[in-house]
Amino acid sequence: MQNPLFDELLLDVYSDMELKRRFLDDPASILRQRGVEVPDGVELRVLEDSPTVRHIVLPHFHDGTPASTEELASRKSKIILPP
């Protein structure tokens, strides 16, 4: 799922090292400043891939494990930063 505000932030982070540092330190604050809603009580962590390290995120489903790959894809698309 695409979020234009988040995409713009990523482009800015890649070109502004101070913004990148602040985003790595306090992503929720930076996202809120950019108009992206972050629910209270949710902790965000930013991980940066490197040429030799990639990260895999296991999503949390509040209402049980998906029963099929179709259900997984549908529910996964609604987890992070809806537009």
N, C-alpha and C. Protein backbone atom coordinates (compact mmCIF):
# COMPACT_ATOMS: atom_id res chain seq x y z
N MET A 1 0.84 -1.17 0.00
CA MET A 1 0.00 0.00 0.00
C MET A 1 0.89 1.24 0.00
N GLN A 2 0.56 2.18 -0.87
CA GLN A 2 1.36 3.39 -1.00
C GLN A 2 0.79 4.49 -0.13
N ASN A 3 1.66 5.30 0.43
CA ASN A 3 1.28 6.49 1.17
C ASN A 3 2.17 7.62 0.68
N PRO A 4 1.61 8.59 -0.05
CA PRO A 4 2.44 9.66 -0.63
C PRO A 4 3.24 10.43 0.41
N LEU A 5 2.66 10.68 1.59
CA LEU A 5 3.39 11.41 2.63
C LEU A 5 4.61 10.63 3.09
N PHE A 6 4.45 9.33 3.24
CA PHE A 6 5.56 8.48 3.66
C PHE A 6 6.62 8.39 2.57
N ASP A 7 6.19 8.28 1.33
CA ASP A 7 7.14 8.23 0.21
C ASP A 7 7.96 9.51 0.12
N GLU A 8 7.30 10.66 0.31
CA GLU A 8 8.02 11.93 0.30
C GLU A 8 9.05 11.99 1.43
N LEU A 9 8.65 11.50 2.61
CA LEU A 9 9.58 11.47 3.74
C LEU A 9 10.81 10.63 3.41
N LEU A 10 10.61 9.47 2.83
CA LEU A 10 11.75 8.61 2.49
C LEU A 10 12.71 9.30 1.54
N LEU A 11 12.17 9.99 0.55
CA LEU A 11 13.04 10.72 -0.38
C LEU A 11 13.83 11.80 0.36
N ASP A 12 13.18 12.50 1.28
CA ASP A 12 13.87 13.54 2.05
C ASP A 12 14.93 12.94 2.97
N VAL A 13 14.62 11.80 3.57
CA VAL A 13 15.58 11.13 4.48
C VAL A 13 16.85 10.76 3.72
N TYR A 14 16.71 10.31 2.48
CA TYR A 14 17.89 9.92 1.70
C TYR A 14 18.76 11.12 1.32
N SER A 15 18.17 12.31 1.29
CA SER A 15 18.95 13.48 0.88
C SER A 15 19.35 14.40 2.03
N ASP A 16 18.86 14.13 3.24
CA ASP A 16 19.12 15.01 4.39
C ASP A 16 19.58 14.16 5.57
N MET A 17 20.87 14.15 5.83
CA MET A 17 21.43 13.27 6.87
C MET A 17 20.92 13.63 8.27
N GLU A 18 20.67 14.91 8.54
CA GLU A 18 20.14 15.30 9.85
C GLU A 18 18.71 14.77 10.02
N LEU A 19 17.90 14.88 8.99
CA LEU A 19 16.54 14.32 9.04
C LEU A 19 16.62 12.81 9.22
N LYS A 20 17.52 12.17 8.53
CA LYS A 20 17.69 10.72 8.66
C LYS A 20 18.03 10.33 10.10
N ARG A 21 18.94 11.08 10.72
CA ARG A 21 19.32 10.80 12.11
C ARG A 21 18.11 10.95 13.03
N ARG A 22 17.35 12.03 12.82
CA ARG A 22 16.17 12.26 13.66
C ARG A 22 15.11 11.19 13.43
N PHE A 23 14.95 10.77 12.18
CA PHE A 23 13.97 9.73 11.84
C PHE A 23 14.36 8.40 12.49
N LEU A 24 15.64 8.07 12.46
CA LEU A 24 16.11 6.84 13.10
C LEU A 24 15.91 6.90 14.62
N ASP A 25 16.10 8.10 15.21
CA ASP A 25 15.96 8.26 16.66
C ASP A 25 14.51 8.32 17.14
N ASP A 26 13.65 8.99 16.37
CA ASP A 26 12.27 9.22 16.81
C ASP A 26 11.33 9.24 15.60
N PRO A 27 11.08 8.07 15.02
CA PRO A 27 10.27 8.04 13.80
C PRO A 27 8.85 8.54 13.99
N ALA A 28 8.23 8.26 15.13
CA ALA A 28 6.84 8.69 15.33
C ALA A 28 6.72 10.21 15.27
N SER A 29 7.65 10.90 15.89
CA SER A 29 7.62 12.36 15.88
C SER A 29 7.74 12.92 14.47
N ILE A 30 8.67 12.38 13.71
CA ILE A 30 8.88 12.85 12.34
C ILE A 30 7.67 12.54 11.47
N LEU A 31 7.10 11.36 11.61
CA LEU A 31 5.91 11.00 10.84
C LEU A 31 4.75 11.93 11.16
N ARG A 32 4.53 12.19 12.45
CA ARG A 32 3.44 13.09 12.84
C ARG A 32 3.67 14.49 12.27
N GLN A 33 4.92 14.96 12.31
CA GLN A 33 5.23 16.28 11.74
C GLN A 33 4.89 16.34 10.26
N ARG A 34 4.97 15.19 9.59
CA ARG A 34 4.70 15.12 8.15
C ARG A 34 3.24 14.79 7.84
N GLY A 35 2.40 14.72 8.85
CA GLY A 35 0.98 14.47 8.62
C GLY A 35 0.58 13.03 8.54
N VAL A 36 1.46 12.12 8.94
CA VAL A 36 1.14 10.69 8.95
C VAL A 36 0.65 10.35 10.35
N GLU A 37 -0.54 9.77 10.43
CA GLU A 37 -1.12 9.42 11.72
C GLU A 37 -0.38 8.22 12.32
N VAL A 38 0.05 8.38 13.57
CA VAL A 38 0.68 7.30 14.32
C VAL A 38 -0.14 7.12 15.59
N PRO A 39 -0.78 5.97 15.78
CA PRO A 39 -1.62 5.77 16.96
C PRO A 39 -0.82 5.89 18.25
N ASP A 40 -1.44 6.48 19.28
CA ASP A 40 -0.82 6.54 20.60
C ASP A 40 -0.56 5.13 21.10
N GLY A 41 0.54 4.96 21.80
CA GLY A 41 0.88 3.67 22.38
C GLY A 41 1.59 2.72 21.42
N VAL A 42 1.81 3.15 20.19
CA VAL A 42 2.52 2.31 19.21
C VAL A 42 3.97 2.76 19.15
N GLU A 43 4.88 1.82 19.37
CA GLU A 43 6.31 2.11 19.26
C GLU A 43 6.76 1.76 17.85
N LEU A 44 7.46 2.70 17.23
CA LEU A 44 7.99 2.46 15.89
C LEU A 44 9.50 2.34 15.96
N ARG A 45 10.03 1.43 15.16
CA ARG A 45 11.47 1.25 15.04
C ARG A 45 11.84 1.28 13.57
N VAL A 46 12.85 2.06 13.25
CA VAL A 46 13.33 2.13 11.88
C VAL A 46 14.62 1.32 11.78
N LEU A 47 14.65 0.41 10.84
CA LEU A 47 15.84 -0.39 10.57
C LEU A 47 16.32 -0.05 9.17
N GLU A 48 17.61 0.07 9.01
CA GLU A 48 18.15 0.41 7.70
C GLU A 48 18.87 -0.79 7.10
N ASP A 49 18.45 -1.17 5.91
CA ASP A 49 19.14 -2.25 5.20
C ASP A 49 20.52 -1.78 4.76
N SER A 50 21.39 -2.73 4.52
CA SER A 50 22.72 -2.44 3.99
C SER A 50 22.93 -3.36 2.78
N PRO A 51 24.05 -3.24 2.12
CA PRO A 51 24.29 -4.14 0.98
C PRO A 51 24.30 -5.62 1.37
N THR A 52 24.62 -5.91 2.63
CA THR A 52 24.72 -7.32 3.04
C THR A 52 23.71 -7.73 4.10
N VAL A 53 22.87 -6.81 4.56
CA VAL A 53 21.87 -7.13 5.58
C VAL A 53 20.50 -6.65 5.12
N ARG A 54 19.52 -7.55 5.16
CA ARG A 54 18.13 -7.20 4.86
C ARG A 54 17.29 -7.59 6.08
N HIS A 55 16.19 -6.89 6.28
CA HIS A 55 15.32 -7.15 7.42
C HIS A 55 13.99 -7.73 6.94
N ILE A 56 13.48 -8.68 7.70
CA ILE A 56 12.17 -9.27 7.44
C ILE A 56 11.30 -8.93 8.65
N VAL A 57 10.13 -8.38 8.38
CA VAL A 57 9.21 -8.00 9.45
C VAL A 57 8.06 -8.99 9.47
N LEU A 58 7.84 -9.58 10.62
CA LEU A 58 6.69 -10.47 10.79
C LEU A 58 5.53 -9.63 11.31
N PRO A 59 4.46 -9.48 10.53
CA PRO A 59 3.34 -8.64 10.97
C PRO A 59 2.58 -9.26 12.14
N HIS A 60 2.02 -8.39 12.95
CA HIS A 60 1.18 -8.84 14.06
C HIS A 60 -0.28 -8.72 13.63
N PHE A 61 -1.04 -9.79 13.80
CA PHE A 61 -2.46 -9.78 13.47
C PHE A 61 -3.26 -9.86 14.76
N HIS A 62 -4.05 -8.83 15.03
CA HIS A 62 -4.83 -8.76 16.26
C HIS A 62 -5.91 -9.83 16.34
N ASP A 63 -6.41 -10.25 15.21
CA ASP A 63 -7.57 -11.15 15.20
C ASP A 63 -7.24 -12.54 14.67
N GLY A 64 -6.08 -13.05 15.03
CA GLY A 64 -5.74 -14.42 14.66
C GLY A 64 -4.96 -14.52 13.37
N THR A 65 -4.43 -15.68 13.14
CA THR A 65 -3.59 -15.96 11.99
C THR A 65 -4.43 -16.10 10.73
N PRO A 66 -4.00 -15.49 9.62
CA PRO A 66 -4.73 -15.64 8.35
C PRO A 66 -4.80 -17.10 7.93
N ALA A 67 -5.90 -17.46 7.27
CA ALA A 67 -6.12 -18.86 6.89
C ALA A 67 -5.61 -19.20 5.51
N SER A 68 -5.30 -18.19 4.70
CA SER A 68 -4.85 -18.46 3.33
C SER A 68 -3.87 -17.38 2.90
N THR A 69 -3.19 -17.62 1.79
CA THR A 69 -2.26 -16.61 1.27
C THR A 69 -3.02 -15.37 0.80
N GLU A 70 -4.25 -15.55 0.28
CA GLU A 70 -5.05 -14.41 -0.15
C GLU A 70 -5.44 -13.54 1.05
N GLU A 71 -5.87 -14.19 2.14
CA GLU A 71 -6.23 -13.45 3.34
C GLU A 71 -4.99 -12.77 3.93
N LEU A 72 -3.86 -13.44 3.90
CA LEU A 72 -2.62 -12.84 4.39
C LEU A 72 -2.29 -11.58 3.61
N ALA A 73 -2.35 -11.64 2.28
CA ALA A 73 -2.03 -10.48 1.45
C ALA A 73 -2.99 -9.33 1.73
N SER A 74 -4.25 -9.63 1.86
CA SER A 74 -5.25 -8.60 2.12
C SER A 74 -5.03 -7.93 3.47
N ARG A 75 -4.80 -8.72 4.50
CA ARG A 75 -4.63 -8.18 5.84
C ARG A 75 -3.28 -7.48 6.00
N LYS A 76 -2.25 -8.01 5.36
CA LYS A 76 -0.92 -7.41 5.44
C LYS A 76 -0.92 -6.01 4.84
N SER A 77 -1.67 -5.80 3.79
CA SER A 77 -1.70 -4.51 3.12
C SER A 77 -2.35 -3.42 3.96
N LYS A 78 -3.04 -3.81 5.03
CA LYS A 78 -3.74 -2.84 5.87
C LYS A 78 -3.01 -2.53 7.17
N ILE A 79 -1.84 -3.10 7.38
CA ILE A 79 -1.16 -2.97 8.65
C ILE A 79 -0.43 -1.65 8.80
N ILE A 80 0.34 -1.25 7.80
CA ILE A 80 1.29 -0.15 7.95
C ILE A 80 0.83 1.08 7.19
N LEU A 81 0.68 2.16 7.91
CA LEU A 81 0.47 3.49 7.34
C LEU A 81 -0.57 3.54 6.22
N PRO A 82 -1.84 3.30 6.55
CA PRO A 82 -2.85 3.42 5.51
C PRO A 82 -2.92 4.86 4.99
N PRO A 83 -3.34 5.04 3.72
CA PRO A 83 -3.36 6.40 3.16
C PRO A 83 -4.41 7.27 3.82
